[in-house]
Amino acid sequence: MIESVTHDGRGIAAIEGKKVFVAGALAGEEVRFVRRKSRRKFDEAELLEILQASPDRIDARCEAFGRCGGCSLQHVSDEQQRQIKSQTLKDNLQRIGKLEAQAWLEPIVGPTWKYRRRARLAVKDVPAKGRVLVGFRERHAPYITDMHRCEVLAAPVDDMIDPLSEMIGSLSIKARLPQIEVAVAENAVAMVFRVLDPPSDEDKAVLGKFGAHHNVRIYLQPGGLDSVSLLYPESDVEALAYTLPEFDIRIEFDAIGFVQVNAEINQLMVSRAIELLDPQTDDRILDLYCGIGNFSLPLAKRSGKVLGVEGEALLVRAAVENAKLNNVGNATFRQADLNAIDGSEGWLREGWDRILLDPARSGAAEIVKHMDVIGAARIVYVSCHPGTLARDAGTLVNEHGYTCKAAGIIDMFPHTAHVESIAVFNK
């Protein structure tokens, strides 16, 4: 009998006092499994047969599910996926942060299929299979999944796995092309091909023809990020962009730049974050880990002044340009390593009323140490890792006198184990 389930869809059984994690099993199910790995405190097992299924079990939509490492929860109903992720957030806040939220927010939900507008696809010429494989890595091995389409990639890329495989297979450098960066903007689709050897003129012609046929911009990346160049079309093109209609904001980004992967959820997330932050017209807002201005620019429409701080110079420059594009004059940006803050920085002490945090998976441990220096009355924390959110929330609540007024999940990555969340703290 499966007693509970982890956030990544592994059922937990207790056999003779030892936990066994069974991939693909759900709470309440009776199953047969075989142990594959034995560890000191737990074993890992492969599901063989479901003897009694959970009412939350559904048929996976993708043919590659179970092999592909891109998704781990397609066999679980949407509602139950969200419950699992909500419980993961609650457990982390209690266990790591030693706190409980005073209220739980309704999950931010949106499309569950064809939602992923940014992805990195692996590429491998596999002579034994007679084709070039294009897709995500396998769940339990470093190999590329043999797949033909992807149900979570945004259109039209969801149907382009086989065309990409066939096209790359015709190139002279098919064995020297390891990955493709995909970006689906509102105004264009871009693909950046990482090439380890220079493509021949014939290769470039094939790539250009593919771009023309599928209406896709084709870029080549022979080296670092600064080596990316446009191959097709040859002429200058409009920058990739997405919009935040509620705030009349258009944000431009480059083909390999970071953007939130789920466009509709991003719009809802920005709206919820600003609602929770509740900026007043004369408030001074500090947006930490601001990126290209995803929160900064909408916040500037609702407040007196916004300072966006970001560690990567390229992102800071993009944020500045996006502010100009949108005629936002009350948002400024600066570069600073927020993981090396010591509290002496002058900009920390400029009288900020509210703070928005949107750090990477590693969280915001250094900056939250110095919240007393900043003295903001309210903080909204957007997180892509519940463990680091819980750690930082513990610091805010247990060391700096904040209360966790509310928290909840953001269903940014349906069918995956990724837990995005949002929390609001009041001094």
Protein backbone atom coordinates (compact mmCIF):
# COMPACT_ATOMS: atom_id res chain seq x y z
CA MET A 1 0.00 0.00 0.00
CA ILE A 2 1.30 3.46 -0.96
CA GLU A 3 0.96 5.74 2.04
CA SER A 4 1.87 9.13 0.55
CA VAL A 5 3.50 10.72 -2.47
CA THR A 6 6.48 13.03 -2.99
CA HIS A 7 6.32 16.27 -4.95
CA ASP A 8 7.87 14.57 -7.99
CA GLY A 9 5.29 11.81 -8.20
CA ARG A 10 7.01 8.99 -6.32
CA GLY A 11 4.81 6.95 -4.04
CA ILE A 12 6.10 6.13 -0.56
CA ALA A 13 5.57 2.69 0.98
CA ALA A 14 6.86 1.45 4.34
CA ILE A 15 8.21 -2.09 4.10
CA GLU A 16 9.55 -3.64 7.30
CA GLY A 17 10.23 -0.19 8.72
CA LYS A 18 12.10 1.13 5.68
CA LYS A 19 10.74 3.64 3.18
CA VAL A 20 10.53 2.62 -0.45
CA PHE A 21 10.06 5.26 -3.14
CA VAL A 22 8.08 3.89 -6.08
CA ALA A 23 8.17 6.10 -9.18
CA GLY A 24 4.70 6.58 -10.65
CA ALA A 25 2.71 5.22 -7.70
CA LEU A 26 0.06 7.36 -6.01
CA ALA A 27 -1.15 7.59 -2.42
CA GLY A 28 -3.76 4.96 -1.54
CA GLU A 29 -2.80 2.60 -4.35
CA GLU A 30 -1.94 -1.07 -4.02
CA VAL A 31 0.95 -1.87 -6.33
CA ARG A 32 3.60 -4.40 -7.21
CA PHE A 33 7.14 -3.08 -7.57
CA VAL A 34 10.73 -4.21 -7.78
CA ARG A 35 13.56 -2.53 -5.87
CA ARG A 36 16.20 -1.05 -8.15
CA LYS A 37 18.46 0.82 -5.71
CA SER A 38 19.05 0.21 -2.03
CA ARG A 39 20.25 3.02 0.20
CA ARG A 40 20.83 3.23 3.93
CA LYS A 41 17.59 4.99 4.83
CA PHE A 42 15.38 4.17 1.83
CA ASP A 43 15.09 2.14 -1.35
CA GLU A 44 14.12 3.19 -4.86
CA ALA A 45 11.78 0.97 -6.84
CA GLU A 46 10.23 0.54 -10.27
CA LEU A 47 6.46 0.21 -10.56
CA LEU A 48 5.43 -3.11 -12.12
CA GLU A 49 1.65 -3.31 -11.71
CA ILE A 50 -1.20 -1.29 -10.23
CA LEU A 51 -3.49 -3.61 -8.31
CA GLN A 52 -5.86 -0.89 -7.06
CA ALA A 53 -5.68 2.53 -8.70
CA SER A 54 -6.15 5.91 -7.06
CA PRO A 55 -9.14 7.99 -8.23
CA ASP A 56 -6.57 10.71 -8.95
CA ARG A 57 -4.81 8.58 -11.57
CA ILE A 58 -5.36 9.52 -15.20
CA ASP A 59 -3.92 8.36 -18.50
CA ALA A 60 -0.78 10.24 -19.52
CA ARG A 61 -1.27 12.29 -22.67
CA CYS A 62 2.29 11.97 -23.96
CA GLU A 63 3.57 8.76 -25.56
CA ALA A 64 7.03 9.40 -24.11
CA PHE A 65 5.81 9.85 -20.52
CA GLY A 66 7.67 7.56 -18.14
CA ARG A 67 10.80 7.67 -20.28
CA CYS A 68 11.16 11.42 -20.80
CA GLY A 69 12.54 13.43 -17.91
CA GLY A 70 10.61 16.54 -18.90
CA CYS A 71 7.42 15.55 -17.06
CA SER A 72 6.87 13.41 -13.96
CA LEU A 73 3.20 13.97 -13.11
CA GLN A 74 1.18 13.41 -16.27
CA HIS A 75 -0.47 10.39 -14.63
CA VAL A 76 -1.95 12.64 -11.91
CA SER A 77 -5.05 14.82 -12.29
CA ASP A 78 -4.43 18.57 -12.49
CA GLU A 79 -6.16 19.20 -9.17
CA GLN A 80 -4.15 16.54 -7.38
CA GLN A 81 -0.89 17.85 -8.88
CA ARG A 82 -1.67 21.22 -7.32
CA GLN A 83 -2.56 19.65 -4.00
CA ILE A 84 0.75 17.77 -3.97
CA LYS A 85 2.66 20.98 -4.69
CA SER A 86 0.68 22.97 -2.12
CA GLN A 87 1.44 20.34 0.51
CA THR A 88 5.12 20.44 -0.46
CA LEU A 89 5.15 24.20 0.14
CA LYS A 90 3.36 23.86 3.50
CA ASP A 91 5.70 21.07 4.62
CA ASN A 92 8.79 23.08 3.69
CA LEU A 93 7.59 26.19 5.53
CA GLN A 94 6.89 24.13 8.65
CA ARG A 95 9.96 21.87 8.56
CA ILE A 96 12.62 24.30 7.30
CA GLY A 97 11.20 27.73 8.12
CA LYS A 98 9.56 26.75 11.42
CA LEU A 99 6.48 28.77 10.53
CA GLU A 100 3.00 28.62 9.07
CA ALA A 101 1.34 31.08 6.73
CA GLN A 102 -1.62 32.88 8.28
CA ALA A 103 -3.64 32.29 5.08
CA TRP A 104 -3.32 30.17 1.96
CA LEU A 105 -3.75 31.74 -1.44
CA GLU A 106 -5.71 30.09 -4.23
CA PRO A 107 -3.25 28.52 -6.71
CA ILE A 108 -2.47 30.59 -9.78
CA VAL A 109 -3.51 28.31 -12.64
CA GLY A 110 -3.59 28.49 -16.41
CA PRO A 111 -2.97 26.28 -19.45
CA THR A 112 -1.59 22.83 -18.69
CA TRP A 113 -0.61 21.85 -22.24
CA LYS A 114 1.40 23.69 -24.90
CA TYR A 115 2.48 26.24 -22.32
CA ARG A 116 6.29 26.08 -22.40
CA ARG A 117 7.68 28.98 -24.42
CA ARG A 118 11.33 28.53 -23.39
CA ALA A 119 13.19 25.22 -23.58
CA ARG A 120 16.57 23.67 -24.22
CA LEU A 121 16.32 20.65 -26.48
CA ALA A 122 19.16 18.13 -26.52
CA VAL A 123 20.33 16.73 -29.87
CA LYS A 124 22.22 13.49 -30.59
CA ASP A 125 22.93 11.58 -33.77
CA VAL A 126 22.28 7.92 -32.90
CA PRO A 127 23.30 5.65 -35.80
CA ALA A 128 21.83 2.59 -34.06
CA LYS A 129 18.39 4.17 -34.29
CA GLY A 130 18.98 5.51 -37.78
CA ARG A 131 18.01 9.05 -36.81
CA VAL A 132 18.97 12.15 -34.91
CA LEU A 133 17.20 12.32 -31.55
CA VAL A 134 15.82 15.68 -30.49
CA GLY A 135 14.14 16.22 -27.13
CA PHE A 136 14.61 16.14 -23.37
CA ARG A 137 16.86 13.80 -21.40
CA GLU A 138 15.46 10.51 -20.18
CA ARG A 139 14.16 10.35 -16.62
CA HIS A 140 16.59 7.74 -15.31
CA ALA A 141 19.48 7.97 -17.78
CA PRO A 142 21.66 10.60 -19.47
CA TYR A 143 20.33 9.64 -22.89
CA ILE A 144 18.02 11.71 -25.06
CA THR A 145 14.43 10.48 -25.12
CA ASP A 146 13.34 8.92 -28.41
CA MET A 147 10.28 11.11 -28.91
CA HIS A 148 8.32 12.51 -31.83
CA ARG A 149 6.41 15.45 -30.35
CA CYS A 150 6.06 17.25 -27.03
CA GLU A 151 2.73 18.01 -25.39
CA VAL A 152 4.00 20.83 -23.15
CA LEU A 153 6.06 22.84 -25.65
CA ALA A 154 4.25 25.88 -26.98
CA ALA A 155 2.96 25.75 -30.55
CA PRO A 156 4.33 25.45 -33.16
CA VAL A 157 7.40 23.83 -31.55
CA ASP A 158 5.29 21.01 -30.04
CA ASP A 159 4.95 19.49 -33.52
CA MET A 160 8.50 20.14 -34.70
CA ILE A 161 10.47 17.36 -33.03
CA ASP A 162 10.41 15.07 -36.07
CA PRO A 163 11.00 17.87 -38.62
CA LEU A 164 14.01 19.02 -36.58
CA SER A 165 15.32 15.46 -36.40
CA GLU A 166 15.02 15.00 -40.15
CA MET A 167 16.56 18.38 -40.97
CA ILE A 168 19.53 18.01 -38.62
CA GLY A 169 20.07 14.48 -39.93
CA SER A 170 20.77 15.97 -43.37
CA LEU A 171 23.53 18.28 -42.12
CA SER A 172 27.23 17.55 -42.47
CA ILE A 173 27.67 18.60 -38.81
CA LYS A 174 24.78 16.49 -37.44
CA ALA A 175 27.15 14.87 -34.94
CA ARG A 176 28.46 18.27 -33.82
CA LEU A 177 25.20 19.98 -32.96
CA PRO A 178 24.37 19.17 -29.32
CA GLN A 179 21.44 21.43 -28.42
CA ILE A 180 18.79 23.91 -29.53
CA GLU A 181 17.53 26.81 -27.44
CA VAL A 182 13.88 27.52 -28.21
CA ALA A 183 12.03 30.77 -27.53
CA VAL A 184 8.39 31.31 -28.48
CA ALA A 185 7.57 35.01 -28.28
CA GLU A 186 4.26 36.68 -29.08
CA ASN A 187 5.69 38.02 -32.33
CA ALA A 188 8.08 35.27 -33.48
CA VAL A 189 9.64 31.86 -32.80
CA ALA A 190 13.42 31.61 -32.42
CA MET A 191 15.77 28.63 -32.41
CA VAL A 192 19.43 28.91 -31.45
CA PHE A 193 21.52 26.00 -32.74
CA ARG A 194 24.68 25.29 -30.75
CA VAL A 195 27.31 24.24 -33.29
CA LEU A 196 30.69 22.78 -32.33
CA ASP A 197 31.99 22.89 -35.91
CA PRO A 198 31.27 25.57 -38.53
CA PRO A 199 28.34 24.59 -40.76
CA SER A 200 29.06 24.40 -44.47
CA ASP A 201 27.34 26.66 -46.97
CA GLU A 202 25.06 23.73 -47.80
CA ASP A 203 24.25 23.32 -44.10
CA LYS A 204 23.39 27.00 -43.79
CA ALA A 205 21.12 26.72 -46.82
CA VAL A 206 19.30 23.77 -45.22
CA LEU A 207 18.89 25.62 -41.93
CA GLY A 208 17.63 28.72 -43.73
CA LYS A 209 15.15 26.68 -45.75
CA PHE A 210 13.87 25.09 -42.53
CA GLY A 211 13.42 28.53 -40.99
CA ALA A 212 11.53 29.81 -44.03
CA HIS A 213 9.27 26.75 -44.23
CA HIS A 214 8.34 26.81 -40.53
CA ASN A 215 8.44 30.61 -40.10
CA VAL A 216 11.17 30.32 -37.45
CA ARG A 217 14.16 32.56 -36.85
CA ILE A 218 17.39 30.57 -37.00
CA TYR A 219 20.44 31.56 -34.96
CA LEU A 220 23.88 29.91 -34.73
CA GLN A 221 25.93 29.76 -31.53
CA PRO A 222 29.50 28.55 -32.20
CA GLY A 223 30.87 29.66 -28.82
CA GLY A 224 29.75 31.62 -25.77
CA LEU A 225 26.60 33.68 -25.43
CA ASP A 226 28.22 36.59 -27.24
CA SER A 227 28.73 34.42 -30.34
CA VAL A 228 25.02 34.06 -31.16
CA SER A 229 24.25 35.40 -34.64
CA LEU A 230 21.15 35.46 -36.84
CA LEU A 231 21.26 33.15 -39.86
CA TYR A 232 17.66 33.40 -41.08
CA PRO A 233 16.23 35.80 -42.01
CA GLU A 234 19.30 37.70 -43.08
CA SER A 235 17.85 41.18 -42.54
CA ASP A 236 17.28 42.91 -39.22
CA VAL A 237 14.24 41.66 -37.33
CA GLU A 238 12.03 43.04 -34.61
CA ALA A 239 13.10 42.02 -31.11
CA LEU A 240 11.36 39.07 -29.50
CA ALA A 241 8.69 40.33 -27.13
CA TYR A 242 5.82 39.52 -24.79
CA THR A 243 3.20 41.78 -23.28
CA LEU A 244 1.55 42.40 -19.92
CA PRO A 245 -1.77 43.80 -21.17
CA GLU A 246 -3.15 44.72 -17.74
CA PHE A 247 -0.30 47.21 -17.33
CA ASP A 248 0.12 48.19 -21.00
CA ILE A 249 3.71 46.88 -20.93
CA ARG A 250 5.72 45.31 -23.76
CA ILE A 251 8.94 43.55 -22.77
CA GLU A 252 11.62 42.65 -25.28
CA PHE A 253 14.11 39.83 -24.76
CA ASP A 254 16.77 38.03 -26.75
CA ALA A 255 16.70 34.49 -28.09
CA ILE A 256 18.74 33.03 -25.23
CA GLY A 257 17.59 35.39 -22.48
CA PHE A 258 15.58 34.33 -19.45
CA VAL A 259 11.81 34.73 -19.48
CA GLN A 260 9.17 32.93 -17.44
CA VAL A 261 8.24 29.80 -19.39
CA ASN A 262 4.45 30.04 -19.11
CA ALA A 263 3.16 33.24 -20.74
CA GLU A 264 -0.38 33.21 -19.34
CA ILE A 265 0.75 32.25 -15.85
CA ASN A 266 3.36 35.01 -15.96
CA GLN A 267 0.65 37.60 -16.59
CA LEU A 268 -1.41 36.25 -13.69
CA MET A 269 1.66 36.02 -11.44
CA VAL A 270 2.67 39.63 -12.05
CA SER A 271 -0.89 40.75 -11.36
CA ARG A 272 -1.09 38.70 -8.12
CA ALA A 273 2.32 39.89 -6.90
CA ILE A 274 1.41 43.54 -7.38
CA GLU A 275 -1.98 43.00 -5.76
CA LEU A 276 -0.27 41.45 -2.71
CA LEU A 277 2.42 44.13 -2.56
CA ASP A 278 -0.35 46.77 -2.76
CA PRO A 279 1.89 49.70 -3.78
CA GLN A 280 0.60 53.20 -3.17
CA THR A 281 1.13 56.01 -5.63
CA ASP A 282 3.97 57.55 -3.62
CA ASP A 283 5.64 54.30 -2.47
CA ARG A 284 9.29 53.55 -3.13
CA ILE A 285 9.68 49.96 -4.34
CA LEU A 286 12.81 47.80 -4.39
CA ASP A 287 12.67 44.99 -6.98
CA LEU A 288 15.48 42.54 -6.25
CA TYR A 289 16.61 40.00 -8.88
CA CYS A 290 14.67 42.16 -11.33
CA GLY A 291 15.85 40.52 -14.57
CA ILE A 292 14.64 42.39 -17.65
CA GLY A 293 11.89 44.28 -15.80
CA ASN A 294 9.08 41.70 -15.63
CA PHE A 295 7.89 43.09 -12.25
CA SER A 296 9.72 46.44 -12.18
CA LEU A 297 7.90 48.05 -15.07
CA PRO A 298 4.35 47.14 -14.01
CA LEU A 299 5.22 48.21 -10.45
CA ALA A 300 6.39 51.57 -11.75
CA LYS A 301 2.93 52.13 -13.23
CA ARG A 302 1.42 51.82 -9.72
CA SER A 303 4.02 53.51 -7.47
CA GLY A 304 6.25 56.54 -7.04
CA LYS A 305 9.69 55.05 -7.70
CA VAL A 306 11.15 51.61 -8.48
CA LEU A 307 14.75 50.50 -8.25
CA GLY A 308 15.48 47.18 -9.94
CA VAL A 309 18.64 45.36 -8.87
CA GLU A 310 20.13 42.47 -10.84
CA GLY A 311 23.45 40.65 -10.88
CA GLU A 312 23.82 40.13 -14.64
CA ALA A 313 24.89 43.18 -16.65
CA LEU A 314 23.12 41.98 -19.81
CA LEU A 315 19.81 41.76 -17.98
CA VAL A 316 20.28 45.21 -16.43
CA ARG A 317 20.88 46.71 -19.87
CA ALA A 318 17.77 44.94 -21.19
CA ALA A 319 15.70 46.30 -18.28
CA VAL A 320 16.90 49.85 -18.99
CA GLU A 321 15.96 49.49 -22.65
CA ASN A 322 12.55 48.06 -21.75
CA ALA A 323 11.89 51.03 -19.48
CA LYS A 324 12.68 53.37 -22.39
CA LEU A 325 10.52 51.32 -24.74
CA ASN A 326 7.54 51.72 -22.40
CA ASN A 327 8.21 55.37 -21.54
CA VAL A 328 8.60 54.45 -17.87
CA GLY A 329 10.64 57.22 -16.29
CA ASN A 330 10.30 56.33 -12.60
CA ALA A 331 12.13 52.98 -12.79
CA THR A 332 15.92 52.82 -12.57
CA PHE A 333 18.20 49.79 -12.58
CA ARG A 334 21.59 48.88 -11.19
CA GLN A 335 23.90 45.88 -11.24
CA ALA A 336 24.83 44.28 -7.91
CA ASP A 337 25.71 40.77 -6.77
CA LEU A 338 22.84 40.12 -4.38
CA ASN A 339 24.58 37.00 -3.10
CA ALA A 340 27.44 39.14 -1.76
CA ILE A 341 25.53 41.86 0.09
CA ASP A 342 27.10 42.97 3.39
CA GLY A 343 24.61 45.64 4.46
CA SER A 344 26.87 48.62 3.79
CA GLU A 345 25.49 49.34 0.32
CA GLY A 346 24.09 52.85 0.14
CA TRP A 347 21.12 51.95 -2.04
CA LEU A 348 19.83 49.61 0.69
CA ARG A 349 19.25 52.60 2.96
CA GLU A 350 17.23 54.85 0.66
CA GLY A 351 13.93 54.39 2.48
CA TRP A 352 12.17 51.61 0.60
CA ASP A 353 8.51 51.04 1.49
CA ARG A 354 8.04 47.66 -0.16
CA ILE A 355 10.20 44.94 -1.65
CA LEU A 356 9.64 42.37 -4.37
CA LEU A 357 12.00 39.36 -4.44
CA ASP A 358 12.24 36.93 -7.36
CA PRO A 359 15.53 35.03 -6.89
CA ALA A 360 16.91 31.95 -8.61
CA ARG A 361 16.65 28.50 -7.02
CA SER A 362 19.41 29.31 -4.54
CA GLY A 363 17.13 31.88 -2.92
CA ALA A 364 17.93 35.21 -1.28
CA ALA A 365 19.79 34.22 1.88
CA GLU A 366 22.24 37.14 1.89
CA ILE A 367 19.78 39.90 1.19
CA VAL A 368 17.22 38.73 3.78
CA LYS A 369 19.96 38.90 6.43
CA HIS A 370 19.90 42.68 5.99
CA MET A 371 16.16 43.35 5.98
CA ASP A 372 16.49 45.41 9.15
CA VAL A 373 18.77 47.77 7.22
CA ILE A 374 16.15 48.19 4.49
CA GLY A 375 13.19 48.39 6.86
CA ALA A 376 10.42 47.77 4.32
CA ALA A 377 6.94 47.23 5.75
CA ARG A 378 5.92 44.58 3.19
CA ILE A 379 7.75 41.97 1.12
CA VAL A 380 6.40 39.79 -1.67
CA TYR A 381 8.66 36.82 -2.40
CA VAL A 382 8.25 34.90 -5.67
CA SER A 383 10.11 31.59 -5.49
CA CYS A 384 11.05 28.75 -7.81
CA HIS A 385 12.21 26.47 -4.97
CA PRO A 386 10.10 25.84 -1.84
CA GLY A 387 13.12 24.83 0.24
CA THR A 388 15.00 28.10 -0.20
CA LEU A 389 11.80 30.11 0.18
CA ALA A 390 11.17 28.33 3.49
CA ARG A 391 14.74 28.98 4.65
CA ASP A 392 14.51 32.68 3.82
CA ALA A 393 10.99 32.94 5.27
CA GLY A 394 12.35 31.52 8.51
CA THR A 395 14.94 34.29 8.64
CA LEU A 396 12.35 36.99 7.95
CA VAL A 397 9.87 35.68 10.52
CA ASN A 398 12.09 34.32 13.26
CA GLU A 399 14.92 36.86 13.12
CA HIS A 400 13.49 40.08 11.65
CA GLY A 401 9.98 40.22 13.06
CA TYR A 402 7.96 39.74 9.90
CA THR A 403 4.78 37.68 9.74
CA CYS A 404 3.96 35.41 6.80
CA LYS A 405 0.53 36.78 5.94
CA ALA A 406 -0.16 34.41 3.05
CA ALA A 407 1.45 31.91 0.70
CA GLY A 408 0.43 29.73 -2.22
CA ILE A 409 1.63 27.95 -5.32
CA ILE A 410 1.93 29.16 -8.89
CA ASP A 411 1.27 26.36 -11.38
CA MET A 412 4.00 27.56 -13.74
CA PHE A 413 5.15 24.05 -14.77
CA PRO A 414 2.16 21.66 -14.96
CA HIS A 415 2.99 17.92 -15.08
CA THR A 416 6.45 18.51 -13.61
CA ALA A 417 7.80 18.38 -10.07
CA HIS A 418 8.77 22.06 -10.21
CA VAL A 419 7.10 24.05 -7.42
CA GLU A 420 6.77 27.79 -8.03
CA SER A 421 5.23 29.78 -5.19
CA ILE A 422 4.53 33.23 -3.79
CA ALA A 423 4.45 34.54 -0.23
CA VAL A 424 3.75 37.91 1.39
CA PHE A 425 5.36 39.16 4.59
CA ASN A 426 4.37 42.13 6.74
CA LYS A 427 6.60 43.80 9.33
